[in-house]
Protein backbone atom coordinates (compact mmCIF):
# COMPACT_ATOMS: atom_id res chain seq x y z
CA MET A 1 3.32 37.60 -33.99
CA PRO A 2 6.16 35.45 -32.56
CA LEU A 3 7.19 36.01 -28.95
CA ILE A 4 10.81 36.23 -30.12
CA LYS A 5 11.88 37.28 -33.62
CA MET A 6 15.55 37.64 -34.51
CA GLU A 7 16.84 38.62 -37.93
CA ASN A 8 20.50 38.61 -38.98
CA ILE A 9 21.78 38.98 -35.41
CA VAL A 10 25.51 39.58 -35.01
CA LYS A 11 27.34 40.02 -31.72
CA GLU A 12 30.96 41.16 -31.59
CA TYR A 13 33.28 41.89 -28.68
CA PRO A 14 36.54 43.89 -28.84
CA MET A 15 39.68 41.84 -28.18
CA GLY A 16 42.63 44.21 -28.19
CA LYS A 17 42.85 45.64 -31.69
CA ALA A 18 40.74 42.83 -33.13
CA ARG A 19 37.10 41.83 -32.65
CA PHE A 20 35.66 38.47 -31.64
CA THR A 21 32.40 37.48 -33.32
CA ALA A 22 30.29 35.50 -30.84
CA LEU A 23 27.12 35.33 -32.98
CA LYS A 24 26.99 35.24 -36.77
CA ASP A 25 23.85 35.95 -38.80
CA ILE A 26 21.32 34.44 -36.36
CA ASN A 27 17.73 34.11 -37.60
CA LEU A 28 15.30 32.72 -35.05
CA SER A 29 11.58 32.79 -34.30
CA VAL A 30 9.96 31.43 -31.11
CA GLU A 31 6.20 31.22 -30.63
CA LYS A 32 4.23 31.59 -27.40
CA GLY A 33 4.10 28.40 -25.32
CA GLU A 34 7.21 26.75 -26.75
CA PHE A 35 9.54 24.63 -24.61
CA CYS A 36 12.77 24.93 -26.52
CA GLY A 37 16.51 25.03 -26.03
CA LEU A 38 19.64 26.59 -27.45
CA ILE A 39 22.05 23.67 -27.33
CA GLY A 40 25.71 23.29 -28.15
CA PRO A 41 29.18 23.04 -26.62
CA SER A 42 30.74 25.70 -24.43
CA GLY A 43 31.67 28.71 -26.54
CA SER A 44 29.01 28.06 -29.17
CA GLY A 45 27.18 31.33 -28.40
CA LYS A 46 24.09 30.00 -26.63
CA THR A 47 24.44 32.11 -23.46
CA THR A 48 25.24 35.21 -25.54
CA LEU A 49 22.07 34.64 -27.55
CA LEU A 50 20.02 34.02 -24.39
CA ASN A 51 21.32 37.31 -22.93
CA ILE A 52 20.14 39.19 -26.02
CA VAL A 53 16.71 37.57 -25.76
CA GLY A 54 16.59 38.65 -22.11
CA ALA A 55 17.53 42.26 -22.96
CA LEU A 56 20.69 41.85 -20.88
CA ASP A 57 22.86 42.61 -23.90
CA ASP A 58 22.42 44.38 -27.24
CA PRO A 59 23.30 42.86 -30.60
CA THR A 60 26.03 44.50 -32.65
CA GLY A 61 23.93 44.11 -35.78
CA GLY A 62 20.54 42.81 -36.87
CA THR A 63 17.12 43.10 -35.26
CA ALA A 64 15.89 41.37 -32.08
CA VAL A 65 12.21 41.83 -31.24
CA VAL A 66 11.15 40.25 -27.93
CA LEU A 67 7.65 40.56 -26.50
CA GLY A 68 6.89 43.16 -29.16
CA SER A 69 9.88 45.40 -28.35
CA ASP A 70 13.03 45.97 -30.38
CA ILE A 71 15.79 45.21 -27.86
CA SER A 72 18.24 47.71 -29.39
CA GLY A 73 15.70 50.51 -29.06
CA LEU A 74 15.17 50.12 -25.31
CA SER A 75 16.80 52.32 -22.70
CA HIS A 76 18.34 50.56 -19.67
CA ARG A 77 15.25 51.53 -17.66
CA GLN A 78 12.84 50.21 -20.30
CA ALA A 79 14.79 46.94 -20.59
CA ALA A 80 14.73 46.52 -16.79
CA GLU A 81 10.98 47.20 -16.74
CA MET A 82 10.35 44.57 -19.42
CA ARG A 83 12.42 42.00 -17.55
CA SER A 84 10.77 42.74 -14.20
CA ARG A 85 7.21 42.46 -15.53
CA HIS A 86 7.33 39.92 -18.33
CA MET A 87 10.36 37.64 -17.88
CA GLY A 88 11.68 35.15 -15.39
CA PHE A 89 15.32 34.03 -15.13
CA ILE A 90 16.77 30.78 -13.80
CA PHE A 91 20.55 30.38 -13.50
CA GLN A 92 22.78 27.49 -12.47
CA THR A 93 24.01 29.39 -9.39
CA TYR A 94 20.49 30.02 -7.94
CA ASN A 95 21.32 33.66 -7.02
CA LEU A 96 19.22 33.56 -3.85
CA LEU A 97 19.58 36.33 -1.28
CA PRO A 98 21.12 34.59 1.77
CA VAL A 99 19.67 36.92 4.45
CA TYR A 100 16.12 36.48 3.16
CA THR A 101 13.78 33.57 3.83
CA VAL A 102 12.45 31.37 1.05
CA TYR A 103 9.21 33.35 1.12
CA GLU A 104 11.04 36.68 0.91
CA ASN A 105 13.26 35.50 -1.96
CA VAL A 106 10.20 34.51 -3.99
CA GLU A 107 8.39 37.70 -3.01
CA PHE A 108 11.25 39.97 -4.12
CA PRO A 109 10.24 40.40 -7.81
CA LEU A 110 6.72 41.38 -6.73
CA LEU A 111 8.07 44.04 -4.35
CA ILE A 112 9.95 45.58 -7.27
CA MET A 113 6.65 45.66 -9.18
CA LYS A 114 5.01 47.38 -6.18
CA MET A 115 2.22 44.79 -6.13
CA ALA A 116 -0.47 45.09 -3.45
CA ASP A 117 0.09 43.07 -0.26
CA LYS A 118 -2.84 40.69 -0.72
CA ASP A 119 -2.03 39.92 -4.35
CA ARG A 120 1.62 39.47 -3.48
CA LYS A 121 0.84 37.00 -0.71
CA ASN A 122 -1.48 34.95 -2.93
CA LYS A 123 1.06 34.73 -5.75
CA VAL A 124 3.98 33.80 -3.47
CA ASN A 125 1.96 31.08 -1.74
CA ALA A 126 0.81 29.71 -5.10
CA ALA A 127 4.39 29.67 -6.44
CA LEU A 128 5.69 27.86 -3.35
CA GLU A 129 2.90 25.31 -3.66
CA TRP A 130 3.74 24.73 -7.35
CA VAL A 131 7.34 23.85 -6.47
CA GLY A 132 6.46 21.87 -3.33
CA LEU A 133 8.16 24.17 -0.82
CA SER A 134 5.27 25.54 1.22
CA ASP A 135 6.77 23.94 4.34
CA LYS A 136 10.12 25.71 3.76
CA ARG A 137 8.77 29.26 3.51
CA LYS A 138 10.56 30.40 6.69
CA SER A 139 13.88 28.68 5.91
CA ARG A 140 16.91 30.57 4.64
CA PRO A 141 18.98 29.50 1.60
CA GLY A 142 21.79 28.15 3.81
CA GLN A 143 19.36 25.61 5.26
CA LEU A 144 18.34 24.21 1.85
CA SER A 145 19.74 21.47 -0.35
CA GLY A 146 20.83 22.26 -3.91
CA GLY A 147 17.61 20.86 -5.32
CA GLU A 148 15.51 22.90 -2.91
CA SER A 149 17.50 26.05 -3.72
CA GLN A 150 16.86 25.63 -7.43
CA ARG A 151 13.16 25.05 -6.76
CA VAL A 152 13.11 28.39 -4.93
CA ALA A 153 14.78 29.95 -7.98
CA VAL A 154 12.06 28.43 -10.19
CA ALA A 155 9.35 29.78 -7.88
CA ARG A 156 10.94 33.24 -7.99
CA ALA A 157 11.09 33.09 -11.79
CA ILE A 158 7.43 32.16 -12.24
CA VAL A 159 5.79 33.98 -9.29
CA LYS A 160 4.71 36.92 -11.45
CA ARG A 161 3.34 34.57 -14.15
CA PRO A 162 5.81 35.80 -16.80
CA GLU A 163 5.25 35.28 -20.48
CA LEU A 164 8.84 34.12 -20.94
CA VAL A 165 11.29 32.19 -18.74
CA LEU A 166 14.97 32.02 -19.70
CA ALA A 167 17.02 29.25 -18.10
CA ASP A 168 20.82 29.11 -18.43
CA GLU A 169 22.14 25.64 -17.51
CA PRO A 170 19.53 25.34 -14.72
CA THR A 171 20.51 21.76 -13.75
CA ALA A 172 24.30 22.17 -13.87
CA ASN A 173 24.71 21.94 -10.08
CA LEU A 174 22.10 19.24 -9.48
CA ASP A 175 22.22 15.45 -9.38
CA ALA A 176 20.10 13.39 -11.79
CA GLU A 177 17.10 12.98 -9.47
CA ASN A 178 16.85 16.67 -8.63
CA SER A 179 17.41 17.60 -12.28
CA HIS A 180 14.46 15.51 -13.39
CA ASN A 181 12.28 16.88 -10.58
CA ILE A 182 13.06 20.46 -11.65
CA LEU A 183 12.47 19.70 -15.34
CA ASP A 184 9.18 17.89 -14.64
CA MET A 185 8.10 20.98 -12.73
CA MET A 186 9.00 23.27 -15.63
CA VAL A 187 7.06 21.09 -18.09
CA LYS A 188 4.03 21.31 -15.80
CA LEU A 189 4.30 25.10 -15.55
CA ASN A 190 4.68 25.36 -19.31
CA ARG A 191 1.57 23.26 -19.80
CA GLU A 192 -0.60 24.84 -17.09
CA LEU A 193 0.45 28.50 -17.37
CA LYS A 194 1.37 28.50 -21.10
CA THR A 195 4.70 30.05 -20.12
CA THR A 196 7.32 29.98 -22.86
CA PHE A 197 10.63 28.41 -21.78
CA VAL A 198 13.95 28.93 -23.57
CA PHE A 199 16.98 27.07 -22.23
CA ALA A 200 20.69 27.41 -22.91
CA THR A 201 22.26 24.02 -22.20
CA HIS A 202 24.49 21.17 -23.19
CA ASP A 203 23.05 18.87 -20.48
CA GLU A 204 21.54 15.72 -22.02
CA LYS A 205 18.98 15.54 -19.20
CA VAL A 206 17.60 18.95 -20.19
CA ILE A 207 17.82 18.18 -23.90
CA SER A 208 15.64 15.07 -23.46
CA TYR A 209 12.77 17.30 -22.24
CA LEU A 210 12.86 19.84 -25.07
CA ARG A 211 10.17 20.00 -27.73
CA ARG A 212 12.47 21.97 -30.03
CA LYS A 213 16.25 21.82 -30.30
CA ILE A 214 18.13 24.81 -31.73
CA HIS A 215 21.73 23.69 -32.29
CA LEU A 216 24.49 26.30 -32.17
CA PHE A 217 28.11 25.85 -33.18
CA ASP A 218 30.76 28.54 -33.51
CA GLY A 219 28.17 31.31 -33.19
CA LYS A 220 25.80 29.98 -35.84
CA ILE A 221 22.53 28.05 -35.81
CA VAL A 222 23.49 24.85 -37.61
CA LYS A 223 20.28 22.89 -37.03
CA ASP A 224 16.75 23.62 -35.80
CA GLU A 225 14.55 20.58 -35.23
CA PRO A 226 11.36 19.58 -33.43
CA ALA A 227 11.62 17.02 -30.63
CA ARG A 228 9.21 14.86 -28.69
CA GLY A 229 10.22 16.04 -25.24
CA LYS A 230 8.49 14.68 -22.12
CA GLU A 231 4.96 15.34 -20.95
């Protein structure tokens, strides 16, 4: 069974007396272990689609099954539980908690899961080692560079070993060198942990790493093609 299965997805938003259709008849299937991206210009619907995959929004019509659950059939509590246990999120703005250390920011998802102290410590230390920030564990976000902040965000996203990581323009605030470092890290995590990655992006640096490109335009999938990516 695919990790993500979408059939005839429509998403509409009210605009005064009219309605704006952000997604139109989306059909999409993503298998476990893919490293793929929703790509297209701003306003093409890629973030809207990513939000539905992440159970952050419901479709207006159609069926979206993610990790075996129909998104529309989940209560807010059930959707939050699925996200906390099985998904990781990476955003362009990092969303780190400024009063917490690097260690505490990465630990936060595990505290929500009420994980035992020893297991929590092992997972946080492993995640910080994966992203090369073991020496920054006691630093606070204000003491980090943009590249380091995004690496913390990656560590936080993968610390619980999620089945699915959703990344919305994760390199938008990074220079070329830091972008490639982050993307190389994600490829490694995808390969070693078999984590499925789905990006929403129009950044050519990200696109060059994808092994599948799902092109959106005006709320529709206009092309879906395999790609070589980077190993």
